[in-house]
């Protein structure tokens, strides 16, 4: 099991192709200028997934990237960064199940649509099946199946 990465899917069902539909944490432009520039070039459209991984998990992240057919913005964080004193400023990057794996030095890759930074229904009664893009979710399921099969 230690050779197989954990996969965390955090809010992967909401896409929005409209310019300006993708928000971001306040510190993103300074902490991750390359990714912020990617958002700007996309006119801040919420039509992609985010892959978040530790530096030590780059090989597995690359394998996952090759299996995904949709648009992706990747964030590579230094191992231990979120647990460090300066990591407190990056709290938005550690607020899902992936952090528990990272704290135990276990490979974990997280895919997200960025939750509340995109989805206006996040954690509200309006967060219903009808607001999700089931076609894109089905494509993602196929991509993940290919990725997991490639690990065997």
N, C-alpha and C. Protein backbone atom coordinates (compact mmCIF):
# COMPACT_ATOMS: atom_id res chain seq x y z
N UNK A 1 0.81 -1.21 0.00
CA UNK A 1 0.00 0.00 0.00
C UNK A 1 0.84 1.26 0.00
N UNK A 2 2.04 1.18 0.60
CA UNK A 2 2.83 2.41 0.69
C UNK A 2 3.33 2.89 -0.66
N UNK A 3 3.28 2.05 -1.68
CA UNK A 3 3.68 2.46 -3.02
C UNK A 3 2.53 3.05 -3.84
N UNK A 4 1.33 2.98 -3.32
CA UNK A 4 0.16 3.50 -4.02
C UNK A 4 -0.28 4.80 -3.35
N UNK A 5 -0.35 5.90 -4.11
CA UNK A 5 -0.74 7.16 -3.49
C UNK A 5 -2.22 7.17 -3.08
N UNK A 6 -2.49 7.85 -2.00
CA UNK A 6 -3.88 8.13 -1.64
C UNK A 6 -4.37 9.24 -2.59
N UNK A 7 -5.62 9.15 -3.00
CA UNK A 7 -6.24 10.19 -3.83
C UNK A 7 -7.37 10.82 -3.05
N UNK A 8 -7.32 12.12 -2.92
CA UNK A 8 -8.40 12.84 -2.27
C UNK A 8 -9.11 13.67 -3.34
N UNK A 9 -10.40 13.45 -3.46
CA UNK A 9 -11.23 14.24 -4.37
C UNK A 9 -12.03 15.21 -3.52
N UNK A 10 -11.72 16.46 -3.64
CA UNK A 10 -12.35 17.50 -2.81
C UNK A 10 -13.16 18.42 -3.71
N UNK A 11 -14.47 18.27 -3.67
CA UNK A 11 -15.33 19.17 -4.46
C UNK A 11 -14.90 19.17 -5.92
N UNK A 12 -15.11 18.09 -6.62
CA UNK A 12 -14.66 17.99 -8.01
C UNK A 12 -15.81 18.07 -9.03
N UNK A 13 -16.96 18.59 -8.65
CA UNK A 13 -18.10 18.53 -9.55
C UNK A 13 -18.60 19.83 -10.12
N UNK A 14 -18.03 20.97 -9.73
CA UNK A 14 -18.58 22.24 -10.18
C UNK A 14 -17.61 22.91 -11.15
N UNK A 15 -18.06 23.15 -12.36
CA UNK A 15 -17.29 23.87 -13.38
C UNK A 15 -18.10 25.06 -13.82
N UNK A 16 -17.40 26.13 -14.18
CA UNK A 16 -18.07 27.32 -14.70
C UNK A 16 -17.17 27.93 -15.77
N UNK A 17 -17.66 27.98 -16.99
CA UNK A 17 -16.88 28.47 -18.12
C UNK A 17 -16.91 29.99 -18.28
N UNK A 18 -17.61 30.69 -17.40
CA UNK A 18 -17.74 32.14 -17.52
C UNK A 18 -16.50 32.85 -16.99
N UNK A 19 -16.00 33.88 -17.69
CA UNK A 19 -14.89 34.67 -17.16
C UNK A 19 -15.26 35.24 -15.79
N UNK A 20 -14.29 35.24 -14.89
CA UNK A 20 -14.50 35.78 -13.56
C UNK A 20 -15.16 34.83 -12.59
N UNK A 21 -15.41 33.59 -12.98
CA UNK A 21 -16.10 32.64 -12.09
C UNK A 21 -15.16 31.94 -11.11
N UNK A 22 -13.85 32.11 -11.28
CA UNK A 22 -12.88 31.45 -10.40
C UNK A 22 -12.28 32.47 -9.44
N UNK A 23 -12.48 32.26 -8.15
CA UNK A 23 -11.84 33.07 -7.15
C UNK A 23 -10.55 32.41 -6.68
N UNK A 24 -9.91 33.02 -5.68
CA UNK A 24 -8.64 32.49 -5.18
C UNK A 24 -8.35 33.08 -3.80
N UNK A 25 -7.52 32.38 -3.03
CA UNK A 25 -7.13 32.92 -1.72
C UNK A 25 -6.32 34.21 -1.90
N UNK A 26 -6.42 35.10 -0.97
CA UNK A 26 -5.76 36.41 -1.06
C UNK A 26 -4.25 36.31 -1.29
N UNK A 27 -3.62 35.32 -0.71
CA UNK A 27 -2.17 35.22 -0.82
C UNK A 27 -1.69 34.56 -2.10
N UNK A 28 -2.59 34.07 -2.94
CA UNK A 28 -2.19 33.32 -4.13
C UNK A 28 -1.25 34.09 -5.05
N UNK A 29 -1.51 35.35 -5.40
CA UNK A 29 -0.61 36.04 -6.34
C UNK A 29 0.83 36.11 -5.84
N UNK A 30 1.03 36.31 -4.56
CA UNK A 30 2.39 36.41 -4.02
C UNK A 30 3.03 35.04 -3.79
N UNK A 31 2.25 34.08 -3.29
CA UNK A 31 2.80 32.76 -2.94
C UNK A 31 2.98 31.86 -4.15
N UNK A 32 2.11 31.99 -5.14
CA UNK A 32 2.13 31.12 -6.32
C UNK A 32 1.92 31.96 -7.58
N UNK A 33 2.88 32.81 -7.93
CA UNK A 33 2.68 33.72 -9.07
C UNK A 33 2.46 33.00 -10.40
N UNK A 34 3.10 31.86 -10.60
CA UNK A 34 2.93 31.13 -11.87
C UNK A 34 1.49 30.64 -12.01
N UNK A 35 0.94 30.06 -10.95
CA UNK A 35 -0.43 29.57 -10.99
C UNK A 35 -1.42 30.73 -11.11
N UNK A 36 -1.12 31.84 -10.43
CA UNK A 36 -1.99 33.01 -10.54
C UNK A 36 -2.00 33.52 -11.98
N UNK A 37 -0.83 33.51 -12.62
CA UNK A 37 -0.75 33.94 -14.02
C UNK A 37 -1.57 33.00 -14.92
N UNK A 38 -1.56 31.71 -14.61
CA UNK A 38 -2.39 30.76 -15.37
C UNK A 38 -3.87 31.11 -15.22
N UNK A 39 -4.29 31.46 -14.02
CA UNK A 39 -5.68 31.87 -13.81
C UNK A 39 -6.00 33.12 -14.62
N UNK A 40 -5.10 34.08 -14.58
CA UNK A 40 -5.32 35.33 -15.31
C UNK A 40 -5.44 35.07 -16.80
N UNK A 41 -4.55 34.23 -17.35
CA UNK A 41 -4.62 33.91 -18.79
C UNK A 41 -5.92 33.19 -19.14
N UNK A 42 -6.52 32.52 -18.19
CA UNK A 42 -7.80 31.83 -18.41
C UNK A 42 -8.99 32.77 -18.17
N UNK A 43 -8.73 34.04 -17.91
CA UNK A 43 -9.77 35.02 -17.58
C UNK A 43 -10.54 34.59 -16.33
N UNK A 44 -9.85 33.93 -15.42
CA UNK A 44 -10.43 33.48 -14.15
C UNK A 44 -11.70 32.65 -14.37
N UNK A 45 -11.67 31.80 -15.38
CA UNK A 45 -12.76 30.85 -15.64
C UNK A 45 -12.59 29.65 -14.71
N UNK A 46 -13.66 29.17 -14.15
CA UNK A 46 -13.64 28.01 -13.26
C UNK A 46 -13.87 26.72 -14.02
N UNK A 47 -13.02 26.43 -15.00
CA UNK A 47 -13.23 25.30 -15.90
C UNK A 47 -12.05 24.33 -15.90
N UNK A 48 -11.46 24.10 -14.75
CA UNK A 48 -10.29 23.25 -14.63
C UNK A 48 -10.29 22.59 -13.25
N UNK A 49 -9.42 21.64 -13.07
CA UNK A 49 -9.19 21.06 -11.75
C UNK A 49 -7.83 21.51 -11.23
N UNK A 50 -7.68 21.46 -9.93
CA UNK A 50 -6.41 21.75 -9.27
C UNK A 50 -5.84 20.42 -8.77
N UNK A 51 -4.56 20.22 -9.02
CA UNK A 51 -3.84 19.09 -8.45
C UNK A 51 -2.87 19.64 -7.43
N UNK A 52 -3.03 19.21 -6.20
CA UNK A 52 -2.18 19.65 -5.11
C UNK A 52 -1.37 18.46 -4.62
N UNK A 53 -0.04 18.64 -4.53
CA UNK A 53 0.81 17.55 -4.08
C UNK A 53 2.08 18.10 -3.43
N UNK A 54 2.76 17.24 -2.69
CA UNK A 54 4.04 17.60 -2.08
C UNK A 54 5.16 17.39 -3.10
N UNK A 55 6.27 18.07 -2.89
CA UNK A 55 7.43 17.92 -3.77
C UNK A 55 7.88 16.47 -3.83
N UNK A 56 7.87 15.78 -2.72
CA UNK A 56 8.30 14.39 -2.68
C UNK A 56 7.40 13.44 -3.45
N UNK A 57 6.23 13.91 -3.84
CA UNK A 57 5.26 13.07 -4.56
C UNK A 57 5.16 13.46 -6.03
N UNK A 58 6.18 14.14 -6.54
CA UNK A 58 6.13 14.65 -7.92
C UNK A 58 6.00 13.56 -8.96
N UNK A 59 6.65 12.44 -8.74
CA UNK A 59 6.59 11.35 -9.72
C UNK A 59 5.16 10.82 -9.86
N UNK A 60 4.50 10.59 -8.72
CA UNK A 60 3.12 10.11 -8.76
C UNK A 60 2.19 11.18 -9.32
N UNK A 61 2.46 12.44 -8.99
CA UNK A 61 1.64 13.53 -9.52
C UNK A 61 1.76 13.61 -11.04
N UNK A 62 2.98 13.40 -11.54
CA UNK A 62 3.18 13.41 -12.99
C UNK A 62 2.41 12.28 -13.67
N UNK A 63 2.41 11.11 -13.05
CA UNK A 63 1.63 9.99 -13.59
C UNK A 63 0.15 10.35 -13.65
N UNK A 64 -0.35 10.99 -12.58
CA UNK A 64 -1.76 11.38 -12.56
C UNK A 64 -2.03 12.42 -13.64
N UNK A 65 -1.16 13.39 -13.77
CA UNK A 65 -1.33 14.44 -14.79
C UNK A 65 -1.46 13.83 -16.18
N UNK A 66 -0.67 12.81 -16.46
CA UNK A 66 -0.70 12.17 -17.77
C UNK A 66 -2.00 11.41 -18.00
N UNK A 67 -2.69 11.04 -16.93
CA UNK A 67 -3.95 10.30 -17.04
C UNK A 67 -5.16 11.21 -17.17
N UNK A 68 -5.02 12.48 -16.83
CA UNK A 68 -6.15 13.40 -16.83
C UNK A 68 -6.29 14.08 -18.18
N UNK A 69 -7.51 14.12 -18.69
CA UNK A 69 -7.76 14.72 -20.00
C UNK A 69 -8.20 16.17 -19.93
N UNK A 70 -8.71 16.61 -18.81
CA UNK A 70 -9.18 17.98 -18.68
C UNK A 70 -8.07 18.95 -18.32
N UNK A 71 -8.40 20.23 -18.29
CA UNK A 71 -7.43 21.25 -17.91
C UNK A 71 -7.11 21.16 -16.43
N UNK A 72 -5.86 21.46 -16.11
CA UNK A 72 -5.34 21.26 -14.76
C UNK A 72 -4.38 22.38 -14.41
N UNK A 73 -4.46 22.85 -13.19
CA UNK A 73 -3.45 23.75 -12.64
C UNK A 73 -2.84 23.02 -11.45
N UNK A 74 -1.51 22.92 -11.43
CA UNK A 74 -0.83 22.13 -10.41
C UNK A 74 -0.15 23.02 -9.37
N UNK A 75 -0.25 22.59 -8.15
CA UNK A 75 0.42 23.24 -7.03
C UNK A 75 1.30 22.20 -6.35
N UNK A 76 2.59 22.45 -6.35
CA UNK A 76 3.53 21.59 -5.67
C UNK A 76 4.01 22.33 -4.42
N UNK A 77 3.80 21.70 -3.27
CA UNK A 77 4.20 22.32 -2.01
C UNK A 77 5.40 21.57 -1.44
N UNK A 78 6.32 22.30 -0.88
CA UNK A 78 7.48 21.68 -0.25
C UNK A 78 7.00 20.75 0.87
N UNK A 79 7.65 19.60 0.98
CA UNK A 79 7.31 18.65 2.04
C UNK A 79 7.40 19.37 3.39
N UNK A 80 6.38 19.22 4.20
CA UNK A 80 6.36 19.82 5.54
C UNK A 80 5.97 21.27 5.59
N UNK A 81 5.76 21.90 4.46
CA UNK A 81 5.46 23.34 4.45
C UNK A 81 4.22 23.69 5.26
N UNK A 82 3.14 22.95 5.08
CA UNK A 82 1.89 23.29 5.76
C UNK A 82 1.99 23.10 7.27
N UNK A 83 2.93 22.28 7.72
CA UNK A 83 3.11 22.06 9.15
C UNK A 83 4.11 23.05 9.76
N UNK A 84 4.76 23.85 8.93
CA UNK A 84 5.75 24.81 9.40
C UNK A 84 5.07 26.10 9.87
N UNK A 85 5.79 26.94 10.63
CA UNK A 85 5.19 28.22 11.07
C UNK A 85 4.69 29.08 9.91
N UNK A 86 5.44 29.19 8.81
CA UNK A 86 4.98 29.98 7.67
C UNK A 86 3.82 29.32 6.94
N UNK A 87 3.65 28.02 7.13
CA UNK A 87 2.55 27.30 6.50
C UNK A 87 1.18 27.73 6.99
N UNK A 88 1.13 28.36 8.16
CA UNK A 88 -0.16 28.83 8.70
C UNK A 88 -0.84 29.81 7.74
N UNK A 89 -0.06 30.55 6.98
CA UNK A 89 -0.62 31.49 6.00
C UNK A 89 -1.25 30.77 4.83
N UNK A 90 -0.91 29.50 4.65
CA UNK A 90 -1.43 28.71 3.52
C UNK A 90 -2.57 27.79 3.96
N UNK A 91 -3.30 28.18 4.98
CA UNK A 91 -4.33 27.31 5.55
C UNK A 91 -5.34 26.80 4.52
N UNK A 92 -5.60 27.58 3.48
CA UNK A 92 -6.55 27.13 2.45
C UNK A 92 -6.02 25.92 1.68
N UNK A 93 -4.72 25.69 1.70
CA UNK A 93 -4.13 24.56 0.99
C UNK A 93 -4.05 23.30 1.86
N UNK A 94 -4.49 23.40 3.10
CA UNK A 94 -4.42 22.25 3.99
C UNK A 94 -5.74 21.87 4.62
N UNK A 95 -6.83 22.35 4.07
CA UNK A 95 -8.12 22.13 4.73
C UNK A 95 -8.94 21.00 4.12
N UNK A 96 -8.26 19.91 3.80
CA UNK A 96 -8.96 18.72 3.33
C UNK A 96 -8.25 17.49 3.87
N UNK A 97 -8.73 16.33 3.47
CA UNK A 97 -8.22 15.08 4.02
C UNK A 97 -6.78 14.77 3.64
N UNK A 98 -6.26 15.40 2.60
CA UNK A 98 -4.88 15.13 2.19
C UNK A 98 -3.87 15.45 3.29
N UNK A 99 -4.17 16.45 4.12
CA UNK A 99 -3.21 16.89 5.13
C UNK A 99 -2.89 15.78 6.13
N UNK A 100 -3.89 14.98 6.50
CA UNK A 100 -3.64 13.89 7.45
C UNK A 100 -2.65 12.88 6.86
N UNK A 101 -2.72 12.63 5.57
CA UNK A 101 -1.76 11.73 4.93
C UNK A 101 -0.37 12.36 4.92
N UNK A 102 -0.31 13.64 4.55
CA UNK A 102 0.98 14.33 4.49
C UNK A 102 1.64 14.37 5.87
N UNK A 103 0.84 14.58 6.91
CA UNK A 103 1.40 14.63 8.26
C UNK A 103 2.02 13.30 8.67
N UNK A 104 1.61 12.22 8.04
CA UNK A 104 2.16 10.89 8.32
C UNK A 104 3.13 10.45 7.22
N UNK A 105 3.58 11.44 6.43
CA UNK A 105 4.55 11.21 5.35
C UNK A 105 4.07 10.17 4.35
N UNK A 106 2.79 10.18 4.06
CA UNK A 106 2.18 9.24 3.11
C UNK A 106 1.89 9.99 1.82
N UNK A 107 2.21 9.40 0.70
CA UNK A 107 1.93 10.03 -0.59
C UNK A 107 0.42 10.23 -0.74
N UNK A 108 0.04 11.45 -1.04
CA UNK A 108 -1.36 11.78 -1.25
C UNK A 108 -1.46 12.89 -2.29
N UNK A 109 -2.31 12.68 -3.27
CA UNK A 109 -2.57 13.65 -4.32
C UNK A 109 -4.01 14.13 -4.16
N UNK A 110 -4.20 15.42 -4.20
CA UNK A 110 -5.55 15.95 -4.07
C UNK A 110 -5.98 16.64 -5.36
N UNK A 111 -7.17 16.29 -5.81
CA UNK A 111 -7.82 16.98 -6.92
C UNK A 111 -9.01 17.75 -6.36
N UNK A 112 -9.15 18.99 -6.82
CA UNK A 112 -10.26 19.81 -6.34
C UNK A 112 -10.70 20.78 -7.43
N UNK A 113 -11.95 21.22 -7.33
CA UNK A 113 -12.41 22.30 -8.19
C UNK A 113 -12.23 23.65 -7.48
N UNK A 114 -11.67 23.61 -6.30
CA UNK A 114 -11.35 24.75 -5.43
C UNK A 114 -12.49 25.16 -4.52
N UNK A 115 -13.53 24.34 -4.46
CA UNK A 115 -14.62 24.49 -3.49
C UNK A 115 -15.19 25.90 -3.48
N UNK A 116 -15.13 26.56 -2.33
CA UNK A 116 -15.77 27.87 -2.17
C UNK A 116 -15.14 28.98 -3.00
N UNK A 117 -13.97 28.74 -3.58
CA UNK A 117 -13.36 29.75 -4.44
C UNK A 117 -13.97 29.75 -5.84
N UNK A 118 -14.87 28.80 -6.08
CA UNK A 118 -15.55 28.72 -7.37
C UNK A 118 -17.05 28.51 -7.22
N UNK A 119 -17.41 27.58 -6.39
CA UNK A 119 -18.80 27.14 -6.30
C UNK A 119 -19.60 28.04 -5.35
N UNK A 120 -20.53 28.85 -5.88
CA UNK A 120 -21.31 29.74 -5.01
C UNK A 120 -22.29 28.97 -4.11
N UNK A 121 -22.44 27.67 -4.36
CA UNK A 121 -23.36 26.84 -3.57
C UNK A 121 -22.65 26.07 -2.46
N UNK A 122 -21.34 26.19 -2.36
CA UNK A 122 -20.54 25.40 -1.43
C UNK A 122 -21.09 25.49 -0.01
N UNK A 123 -21.42 24.34 0.56
CA UNK A 123 -21.94 24.21 1.94
C UNK A 123 -23.24 24.97 2.16
N UNK A 124 -24.03 25.12 1.12
CA UNK A 124 -25.33 25.78 1.22
C UNK A 124 -26.42 24.81 0.77
N UNK A 125 -27.67 25.07 1.14
CA UNK A 125 -28.77 24.21 0.68
C UNK A 125 -28.89 24.15 -0.84
N UNK A 126 -28.36 25.14 -1.53
CA UNK A 126 -28.42 25.16 -3.00
C UNK A 126 -27.36 24.26 -3.64
N UNK A 127 -26.51 23.62 -2.84
CA UNK A 127 -25.49 22.69 -3.35
C UNK A 127 -26.17 21.36 -3.64
N UNK A 128 -26.77 21.28 -4.81
CA UNK A 128 -27.58 20.11 -5.19
C UNK A 128 -27.02 19.44 -6.43
N UNK A 129 -27.52 18.28 -6.72
CA UNK A 129 -27.10 17.51 -7.88
C UNK A 129 -27.22 18.33 -9.16
N UNK A 130 -28.24 19.15 -9.26
CA UNK A 130 -28.47 19.91 -10.49
C UNK A 130 -27.38 20.96 -10.75
N UNK A 131 -26.57 21.29 -9.76
CA UNK A 131 -25.50 22.29 -9.96
C UNK A 131 -24.18 21.65 -10.38
N UNK A 132 -24.14 20.31 -10.43
CA UNK A 132 -22.90 19.61 -10.76
C UNK A 132 -22.84 19.27 -12.24
N UNK A 133 -21.64 19.20 -12.77
CA UNK A 133 -21.43 18.84 -14.18
C UNK A 133 -21.13 17.35 -14.23
N UNK A 134 -22.18 16.54 -14.38
CA UNK A 134 -22.04 15.09 -14.34
C UNK A 134 -21.23 14.55 -15.50
N UNK A 135 -21.27 15.21 -16.65
CA UNK A 135 -20.48 14.75 -17.79
C UNK A 135 -18.98 14.88 -17.50
N UNK A 136 -18.58 16.01 -16.96
CA UNK A 136 -17.16 16.19 -16.63
C UNK A 136 -16.75 15.28 -15.48
N UNK A 137 -17.65 15.05 -14.55
CA UNK A 137 -17.35 14.12 -13.45
C UNK A 137 -17.16 12.70 -13.99
N UNK A 138 -17.96 12.32 -14.98
CA UNK A 138 -17.81 10.98 -15.58
C UNK A 138 -16.47 10.86 -16.30
N UNK A 139 -16.05 11.91 -17.01
CA UNK A 139 -14.74 11.89 -17.66
C UNK A 139 -13.63 11.74 -16.62
N UNK A 140 -13.75 12.46 -15.53
CA UNK A 140 -12.76 12.37 -14.45
C UNK A 140 -12.71 10.95 -13.88
N UNK A 141 -13.85 10.34 -13.72
CA UNK A 141 -13.90 8.97 -13.20
C UNK A 141 -13.13 8.02 -14.12
N UNK A 142 -13.33 8.15 -15.42
CA UNK A 142 -12.59 7.34 -16.38
C UNK A 142 -11.09 7.60 -16.32
N UNK A 143 -10.72 8.88 -16.21
CA UNK A 143 -9.30 9.23 -16.09
C UNK A 143 -8.68 8.61 -14.84
N UNK A 144 -9.39 8.68 -13.73
CA UNK A 144 -8.87 8.12 -12.48
C UNK A 144 -8.77 6.61 -12.56
N UNK A 145 -9.70 5.99 -13.23
CA UNK A 145 -9.63 4.55 -13.42
C UNK A 145 -8.37 4.17 -14.20
N UNK A 146 -8.08 4.92 -15.26
CA UNK A 146 -6.86 4.66 -16.03
C UNK A 146 -5.61 4.85 -15.17
N UNK A 147 -5.60 5.89 -14.37
CA UNK A 147 -4.46 6.16 -13.50
C UNK A 147 -4.25 5.01 -12.52
N UNK A 148 -5.32 4.60 -11.85
CA UNK A 148 -5.18 3.53 -10.86
C UNK A 148 -4.76 2.21 -11.50
N UNK A 149 -5.26 1.95 -12.69
CA UNK A 149 -4.88 0.74 -13.41
C UNK A 149 -3.39 0.79 -13.78
N UNK A 150 -2.88 1.96 -14.09
CA UNK A 150 -1.47 2.10 -14.48
C UNK A 150 -0.53 1.85 -13.30
N UNK A 151 -1.03 1.91 -12.08
CA UNK A 151 -0.19 1.71 -10.89
C UNK A 151 0.06 0.25 -10.60
N UNK A 152 -0.72 -0.63 -11.18
CA UNK A 152 -0.60 -2.06 -10.86
C UNK A 152 0.64 -2.68 -11.45
